[in-house]
Amino acid sequence: MTISFFIHSTEDEDRLLSEIENRFGLRPEEVSSERIMGHFGNEMISVKAHLVGNRAQEVARIIVGALSRTAKNSIRAELERSLDEHDSIYLRLDRQTLGESSLSLSDEEPIRIKLKPKTRSGGRQSMEKQYEELIK
């Protein structure tokens, strides 16, 4: 699993990192950041967390459990088209809903989540069923 997002210079870095770590159950040592320059010469921070094994499954369950019913329905409806050639699925979470009771999907300034299966047994249909089980 990979979680990634950008923090703009106008945002409170500490507050946003803390909010995401708390909401997703991330440990500070699992998160790395790098200062980069944006397209318009503005400084940004690129943040990533890469998790594997049981830890990835644990955090994936936290994130999926926090999704709104609408978000889950949308993911299920688009599941077949959302998988890449390696059976990974990509979610784009609305960072504006971090403080709300449930998370929504968004393409604007999203928190990107990539879920990649440890093993790919049973073919594509089997992977779709596994994702459906996770999302329900």
N, C-alpha and C. Protein backbone atom coordinates (compact mmCIF):
# COMPACT_ATOMS: atom_id res chain seq x y z
N MET A 1 0.84 -1.17 0.00
CA MET A 1 0.00 0.00 0.00
C MET A 1 0.88 1.23 0.00
N THR A 2 0.48 2.20 -0.79
CA THR A 2 1.17 3.48 -0.81
C THR A 2 0.14 4.58 -0.60
N ILE A 3 0.44 5.49 0.30
CA ILE A 3 -0.37 6.66 0.55
C ILE A 3 0.49 7.85 0.16
N SER A 4 -0.04 8.74 -0.67
CA SER A 4 0.75 9.91 -1.07
C SER A 4 -0.14 11.13 -1.25
N PHE A 5 0.43 12.29 -0.97
CA PHE A 5 -0.27 13.55 -1.15
C PHE A 5 0.74 14.69 -1.09
N PHE A 6 0.26 15.87 -1.45
CA PHE A 6 1.09 17.07 -1.42
C PHE A 6 0.57 18.03 -0.37
N ILE A 7 1.50 18.74 0.25
CA ILE A 7 1.14 19.81 1.17
C ILE A 7 1.66 21.10 0.55
N HIS A 8 0.77 22.05 0.33
CA HIS A 8 1.16 23.32 -0.27
C HIS A 8 1.67 24.27 0.81
N SER A 9 2.42 25.27 0.37
CA SER A 9 3.04 26.21 1.31
C SER A 9 2.00 26.98 2.11
N THR A 10 0.78 27.07 1.62
CA THR A 10 -0.28 27.79 2.34
C THR A 10 -0.97 26.93 3.39
N GLU A 11 -0.62 25.64 3.45
CA GLU A 11 -1.26 24.73 4.39
C GLU A 11 -0.40 24.52 5.63
N ASP A 12 -1.03 24.16 6.71
CA ASP A 12 -0.35 23.88 7.97
C ASP A 12 0.17 22.44 7.92
N GLU A 13 1.47 22.29 7.66
CA GLU A 13 2.08 20.97 7.48
C GLU A 13 1.88 20.07 8.69
N ASP A 14 2.18 20.57 9.87
CA ASP A 14 2.07 19.74 11.07
C ASP A 14 0.65 19.29 11.33
N ARG A 15 -0.31 20.19 11.16
CA ARG A 15 -1.71 19.86 11.40
C ARG A 15 -2.19 18.80 10.42
N LEU A 16 -1.87 18.97 9.13
CA LEU A 16 -2.33 18.03 8.11
C LEU A 16 -1.69 16.65 8.31
N LEU A 17 -0.39 16.62 8.56
CA LEU A 17 0.28 15.33 8.80
C LEU A 17 -0.31 14.62 10.01
N SER A 18 -0.52 15.37 11.08
CA SER A 18 -1.09 14.80 12.29
C SER A 18 -2.50 14.26 12.04
N GLU A 19 -3.29 15.03 11.30
CA GLU A 19 -4.66 14.62 11.00
C GLU A 19 -4.68 13.32 10.18
N ILE A 20 -3.82 13.23 9.19
CA ILE A 20 -3.78 12.03 8.35
C ILE A 20 -3.22 10.84 9.13
N GLU A 21 -2.16 11.05 9.89
CA GLU A 21 -1.60 9.96 10.70
C GLU A 21 -2.66 9.41 11.67
N ASN A 22 -3.37 10.31 12.34
CA ASN A 22 -4.40 9.88 13.29
C ASN A 22 -5.57 9.20 12.60
N ARG A 23 -6.03 9.75 11.50
CA ARG A 23 -7.21 9.20 10.83
C ARG A 23 -6.93 7.82 10.24
N PHE A 24 -5.73 7.64 9.69
CA PHE A 24 -5.38 6.38 9.03
C PHE A 24 -4.62 5.41 9.92
N GLY A 25 -4.30 5.82 11.13
CA GLY A 25 -3.57 4.94 12.04
C GLY A 25 -2.11 4.77 11.65
N LEU A 26 -1.54 5.80 11.02
CA LEU A 26 -0.13 5.73 10.59
C LEU A 26 0.79 6.14 11.74
N ARG A 27 1.94 5.54 11.76
CA ARG A 27 2.97 5.91 12.72
C ARG A 27 3.89 6.94 12.07
N PRO A 28 4.37 7.93 12.82
CA PRO A 28 5.24 8.96 12.22
C PRO A 28 6.43 8.38 11.46
N GLU A 29 6.99 7.29 11.93
CA GLU A 29 8.16 6.71 11.26
C GLU A 29 7.80 6.03 9.93
N GLU A 30 6.51 5.84 9.67
CA GLU A 30 6.09 5.24 8.40
C GLU A 30 5.91 6.29 7.30
N VAL A 31 6.00 7.54 7.66
CA VAL A 31 5.73 8.64 6.74
C VAL A 31 7.03 9.37 6.41
N SER A 32 7.25 9.60 5.12
CA SER A 32 8.43 10.37 4.70
C SER A 32 7.96 11.57 3.89
N SER A 33 8.75 12.62 3.93
CA SER A 33 8.39 13.81 3.18
C SER A 33 9.61 14.41 2.52
N GLU A 34 9.34 15.13 1.43
CA GLU A 34 10.42 15.74 0.65
C GLU A 34 9.92 17.08 0.12
N ARG A 35 10.74 18.10 0.28
CA ARG A 35 10.39 19.42 -0.26
C ARG A 35 10.68 19.43 -1.75
N ILE A 36 9.68 19.88 -2.53
CA ILE A 36 9.82 19.92 -3.99
C ILE A 36 9.30 21.26 -4.49
N MET A 37 9.58 21.56 -5.74
CA MET A 37 9.06 22.76 -6.38
C MET A 37 7.89 22.38 -7.29
N GLY A 38 6.80 23.13 -7.19
CA GLY A 38 5.63 22.90 -8.02
C GLY A 38 5.82 23.49 -9.41
N HIS A 39 4.82 23.31 -10.26
CA HIS A 39 4.87 23.79 -11.64
C HIS A 39 5.07 25.30 -11.75
N PHE A 40 4.56 26.02 -10.78
CA PHE A 40 4.62 27.47 -10.84
C PHE A 40 5.71 28.03 -9.93
N GLY A 41 6.68 27.19 -9.57
CA GLY A 41 7.79 27.63 -8.74
C GLY A 41 7.47 27.73 -7.27
N ASN A 42 6.31 27.26 -6.88
CA ASN A 42 5.94 27.29 -5.48
C ASN A 42 6.45 26.03 -4.77
N GLU A 43 6.90 26.21 -3.53
CA GLU A 43 7.41 25.08 -2.76
C GLU A 43 6.25 24.25 -2.24
N MET A 44 6.41 22.94 -2.33
CA MET A 44 5.42 21.99 -1.82
C MET A 44 6.17 20.89 -1.08
N ILE A 45 5.42 20.11 -0.35
CA ILE A 45 6.00 18.95 0.32
C ILE A 45 5.29 17.72 -0.22
N SER A 46 6.08 16.78 -0.71
CA SER A 46 5.55 15.51 -1.19
C SER A 46 5.64 14.53 -0.03
N VAL A 47 4.50 13.96 0.35
CA VAL A 47 4.44 13.05 1.49
C VAL A 47 4.06 11.66 1.00
N LYS A 48 4.77 10.64 1.51
CA LYS A 48 4.47 9.25 1.14
C LYS A 48 4.60 8.34 2.36
N ALA A 49 3.78 7.32 2.35
CA ALA A 49 3.88 6.24 3.32
C ALA A 49 3.75 4.95 2.51
N HIS A 50 4.71 4.07 2.68
CA HIS A 50 4.68 2.78 1.98
C HIS A 50 4.60 1.69 3.04
N LEU A 51 3.54 0.91 2.98
CA LEU A 51 3.31 -0.14 3.98
C LEU A 51 3.18 -1.48 3.27
N VAL A 52 3.64 -2.53 3.94
CA VAL A 52 3.56 -3.87 3.36
C VAL A 52 3.00 -4.85 4.39
N GLY A 53 2.60 -6.01 3.88
CA GLY A 53 2.17 -7.11 4.74
C GLY A 53 0.98 -6.79 5.62
N ASN A 54 1.03 -7.31 6.85
CA ASN A 54 -0.08 -7.13 7.78
C ASN A 54 -0.36 -5.67 8.10
N ARG A 55 0.71 -4.89 8.14
CA ARG A 55 0.53 -3.46 8.44
C ARG A 55 -0.27 -2.77 7.33
N ALA A 56 0.01 -3.12 6.08
CA ALA A 56 -0.75 -2.56 4.96
C ALA A 56 -2.22 -2.98 5.05
N GLN A 57 -2.47 -4.22 5.39
CA GLN A 57 -3.84 -4.70 5.51
C GLN A 57 -4.58 -3.97 6.63
N GLU A 58 -3.89 -3.76 7.74
CA GLU A 58 -4.48 -3.07 8.88
C GLU A 58 -4.90 -1.64 8.51
N VAL A 59 -4.00 -0.90 7.87
CA VAL A 59 -4.29 0.48 7.49
C VAL A 59 -5.34 0.52 6.38
N ALA A 60 -5.30 -0.42 5.44
CA ALA A 60 -6.31 -0.48 4.38
C ALA A 60 -7.70 -0.66 4.99
N ARG A 61 -7.81 -1.50 6.00
CA ARG A 61 -9.11 -1.71 6.65
C ARG A 61 -9.59 -0.44 7.35
N ILE A 62 -8.67 0.29 7.96
CA ILE A 62 -9.03 1.55 8.62
C ILE A 62 -9.56 2.54 7.58
N ILE A 63 -8.83 2.68 6.48
CA ILE A 63 -9.22 3.64 5.45
C ILE A 63 -10.55 3.25 4.81
N VAL A 64 -10.67 2.00 4.40
CA VAL A 64 -11.90 1.56 3.75
C VAL A 64 -13.08 1.63 4.72
N GLY A 65 -12.83 1.34 5.98
CA GLY A 65 -13.88 1.43 6.99
C GLY A 65 -14.38 2.85 7.20
N ALA A 66 -13.54 3.83 6.91
CA ALA A 66 -13.90 5.24 7.08
C ALA A 66 -14.59 5.83 5.86
N LEU A 67 -14.65 5.09 4.76
CA LEU A 67 -15.28 5.61 3.54
C LEU A 67 -16.79 5.73 3.70
N SER A 68 -17.34 6.75 3.09
CA SER A 68 -18.80 6.93 3.09
C SER A 68 -19.43 5.80 2.27
N ARG A 69 -20.70 5.57 2.51
CA ARG A 69 -21.44 4.55 1.74
C ARG A 69 -21.41 4.91 0.26
N THR A 70 -21.56 6.19 -0.06
CA THR A 70 -21.52 6.65 -1.45
C THR A 70 -20.17 6.33 -2.09
N ALA A 71 -19.08 6.58 -1.36
CA ALA A 71 -17.74 6.29 -1.87
C ALA A 71 -17.57 4.80 -2.13
N LYS A 72 -18.01 3.98 -1.19
CA LYS A 72 -17.89 2.53 -1.37
C LYS A 72 -18.69 2.05 -2.58
N ASN A 73 -19.89 2.57 -2.73
CA ASN A 73 -20.72 2.19 -3.89
C ASN A 73 -20.05 2.61 -5.19
N SER A 74 -19.46 3.78 -5.21
CA SER A 74 -18.77 4.27 -6.40
C SER A 74 -17.58 3.39 -6.75
N ILE A 75 -16.81 3.00 -5.75
CA ILE A 75 -15.64 2.13 -5.97
C ILE A 75 -16.09 0.79 -6.52
N ARG A 76 -17.13 0.21 -5.91
CA ARG A 76 -17.62 -1.09 -6.38
C ARG A 76 -18.12 -1.00 -7.82
N ALA A 77 -18.82 0.08 -8.15
CA ALA A 77 -19.37 0.25 -9.50
C ALA A 77 -18.27 0.38 -10.55
N GLU A 78 -17.14 0.94 -10.17
CA GLU A 78 -16.04 1.19 -11.10
C GLU A 78 -14.88 0.21 -10.92
N LEU A 79 -15.08 -0.82 -10.11
CA LEU A 79 -13.98 -1.70 -9.72
C LEU A 79 -13.24 -2.32 -10.89
N GLU A 80 -13.95 -2.87 -11.84
CA GLU A 80 -13.30 -3.53 -12.98
C GLU A 80 -12.40 -2.56 -13.74
N ARG A 81 -12.88 -1.35 -13.94
CA ARG A 81 -12.09 -0.35 -14.67
C ARG A 81 -11.01 0.30 -13.81
N SER A 82 -11.12 0.15 -12.49
CA SER A 82 -10.17 0.81 -11.58
C SER A 82 -8.89 0.01 -11.34
N LEU A 83 -8.90 -1.26 -11.72
CA LEU A 83 -7.71 -2.10 -11.52
C LEU A 83 -6.73 -1.89 -12.66
N ASP A 84 -5.45 -1.81 -12.31
CA ASP A 84 -4.44 -1.70 -13.36
C ASP A 84 -4.00 -3.10 -13.79
N GLU A 85 -2.99 -3.18 -14.64
CA GLU A 85 -2.54 -4.46 -15.18
C GLU A 85 -1.93 -5.38 -14.12
N HIS A 86 -1.61 -4.83 -12.94
CA HIS A 86 -1.05 -5.63 -11.85
C HIS A 86 -2.09 -5.88 -10.75
N ASP A 87 -3.35 -5.60 -11.06
CA ASP A 87 -4.47 -5.76 -10.14
C ASP A 87 -4.40 -4.84 -8.92
N SER A 88 -3.68 -3.73 -9.06
CA SER A 88 -3.68 -2.70 -8.01
C SER A 88 -4.89 -1.81 -8.23
N ILE A 89 -5.41 -1.27 -7.13
CA ILE A 89 -6.53 -0.34 -7.22
C ILE A 89 -6.08 1.00 -6.63
N TYR A 90 -6.58 2.06 -7.21
CA TYR A 90 -6.21 3.41 -6.81
C TYR A 90 -7.44 4.15 -6.29
N LEU A 91 -7.31 4.73 -5.12
CA LEU A 91 -8.38 5.53 -4.54
C LEU A 91 -7.87 6.97 -4.39
N ARG A 92 -8.73 7.91 -4.61
CA ARG A 92 -8.39 9.33 -4.42
C ARG A 92 -9.37 9.89 -3.39
N LEU A 93 -8.85 10.12 -2.20
CA LEU A 93 -9.70 10.57 -1.10
C LEU A 93 -9.72 12.08 -1.00
N ASP A 94 -10.87 12.60 -0.65
CA ASP A 94 -11.05 14.03 -0.48
C ASP A 94 -10.46 14.46 0.86
N ARG A 95 -9.38 15.20 0.83
CA ARG A 95 -8.71 15.61 2.06
C ARG A 95 -9.58 16.55 2.88
N GLN A 96 -10.57 17.19 2.25
CA GLN A 96 -11.47 18.08 2.98
C GLN A 96 -12.41 17.32 3.91
N THR A 97 -12.53 15.99 3.71
CA THR A 97 -13.43 15.20 4.56
C THR A 97 -12.68 14.46 5.67
N LEU A 98 -11.40 14.76 5.86
CA LEU A 98 -10.61 14.09 6.90
C LEU A 98 -11.23 14.24 8.29
N GLY A 99 -11.75 15.41 8.59
CA GLY A 99 -12.31 15.67 9.91
C GLY A 99 -13.76 15.27 10.06
N GLU A 100 -14.36 14.75 9.01
CA GLU A 100 -15.76 14.35 9.05
C GLU A 100 -15.90 12.89 9.47
N SER A 101 -17.12 12.47 9.69
CA SER A 101 -17.35 11.10 10.15
C SER A 101 -17.00 10.06 9.10
N SER A 102 -17.14 10.42 7.81
CA SER A 102 -16.77 9.47 6.76
C SER A 102 -16.05 10.20 5.63
N LEU A 103 -15.19 9.46 4.96
CA LEU A 103 -14.37 10.01 3.89
C LEU A 103 -15.08 9.90 2.54
N SER A 104 -14.83 10.88 1.69
CA SER A 104 -15.37 10.89 0.34
C SER A 104 -14.23 10.77 -0.67
N LEU A 105 -14.61 10.56 -1.92
CA LEU A 105 -13.65 10.51 -3.01
C LEU A 105 -13.58 11.87 -3.69
N SER A 106 -12.42 12.19 -4.26
CA SER A 106 -12.26 13.44 -4.98
C SER A 106 -11.02 13.39 -5.85
N ASP A 107 -11.06 14.10 -6.96
CA ASP A 107 -9.89 14.21 -7.82
C ASP A 107 -9.13 15.51 -7.57
N GLU A 108 -9.68 16.40 -6.75
CA GLU A 108 -9.03 17.67 -6.48
C GLU A 108 -8.19 17.58 -5.21
N GLU A 109 -6.89 17.79 -5.34
CA GLU A 109 -5.96 17.73 -4.21
C GLU A 109 -6.18 16.48 -3.36
N PRO A 110 -6.22 15.32 -4.00
CA PRO A 110 -6.57 14.11 -3.25
C PRO A 110 -5.42 13.55 -2.42
N ILE A 111 -5.81 12.69 -1.51
CA ILE A 111 -4.87 11.80 -0.84
C ILE A 111 -4.95 10.52 -1.67
N ARG A 112 -3.85 10.16 -2.30
CA ARG A 112 -3.85 9.01 -3.20
C ARG A 112 -3.50 7.74 -2.42
N ILE A 113 -4.31 6.73 -2.63
CA ILE A 113 -4.10 5.44 -2.00
C ILE A 113 -3.94 4.40 -3.10
N LYS A 114 -2.86 3.65 -3.04
CA LYS A 114 -2.67 2.55 -3.98
C LYS A 114 -2.65 1.27 -3.16
N LEU A 115 -3.58 0.39 -3.47
CA LEU A 115 -3.63 -0.92 -2.83
C LEU A 115 -3.13 -1.94 -3.84
N LYS A 116 -2.10 -2.63 -3.48
CA LYS A 116 -1.50 -3.61 -4.38
C LYS A 116 -1.52 -4.97 -3.68
N PRO A 117 -2.08 -5.98 -4.34
CA PRO A 117 -2.16 -7.30 -3.70
C PRO A 117 -0.79 -7.93 -3.52
N LYS A 118 -0.64 -8.63 -2.40
CA LYS A 118 0.61 -9.33 -2.13
C LYS A 118 0.77 -10.50 -3.11
N THR A 119 -0.31 -11.21 -3.30
CA THR A 119 -0.31 -12.31 -4.27
C THR A 119 -1.49 -12.11 -5.21
N ARG A 120 -1.36 -12.60 -6.41
CA ARG A 120 -2.40 -12.43 -7.42
C ARG A 120 -2.90 -13.79 -7.89
N SER A 121 -3.43 -14.56 -6.99
CA SER A 121 -3.89 -15.89 -7.37
C SER A 121 -5.36 -15.85 -7.78
N GLY A 122 -5.74 -16.72 -8.67
CA GLY A 122 -7.12 -16.86 -9.07
C GLY A 122 -7.58 -15.95 -10.18
N GLY A 123 -6.69 -15.17 -10.72
CA GLY A 123 -7.05 -14.32 -11.85
C GLY A 123 -7.75 -13.03 -11.43
N ARG A 124 -8.10 -12.27 -12.43
CA ARG A 124 -8.67 -10.93 -12.22
C ARG A 124 -10.00 -10.98 -11.47
N GLN A 125 -10.84 -11.91 -11.80
CA GLN A 125 -12.14 -12.00 -11.12
C GLN A 125 -11.96 -12.28 -9.63
N SER A 126 -10.99 -13.10 -9.31
CA SER A 126 -10.71 -13.39 -7.90
C SER A 126 -10.24 -12.13 -7.17
N MET A 127 -9.40 -11.33 -7.85
CA MET A 127 -8.92 -10.09 -7.25
C MET A 127 -10.08 -9.12 -7.04
N GLU A 128 -10.98 -9.03 -8.01
CA GLU A 128 -12.14 -8.15 -7.86
C GLU A 128 -12.97 -8.56 -6.66
N LYS A 129 -13.16 -9.86 -6.47
CA LYS A 129 -13.93 -10.36 -5.32
C LYS A 129 -13.23 -10.02 -4.01
N GLN A 130 -11.90 -10.12 -3.99
CA GLN A 130 -11.17 -9.78 -2.77
C GLN A 130 -11.33 -8.29 -2.44
N TYR A 131 -11.26 -7.43 -3.45
CA TYR A 131 -11.46 -6.00 -3.22
C TYR A 131 -12.89 -5.72 -2.77
N GLU A 132 -13.86 -6.41 -3.38
CA GLU A 132 -15.25 -6.22 -2.98
C GLU A 132 -15.45 -6.60 -1.52
N GLU A 133 -14.79 -7.67 -1.09
CA GLU A 133 -14.88 -8.09 0.32
C GLU A 133 -14.28 -7.03 1.24
N LEU A 134 -13.17 -6.44 0.84
CA LEU A 134 -12.52 -5.40 1.63
C LEU A 134 -13.43 -4.16 1.72
N ILE A 135 -14.08 -3.82 0.63
CA ILE A 135 -14.85 -2.58 0.54
C ILE A 135 -16.23 -2.68 1.20
N LYS A 136 -16.77 -3.85 1.33
CA LYS A 136 -18.17 -3.94 1.83
C LYS A 136 -18.37 -3.47 3.25
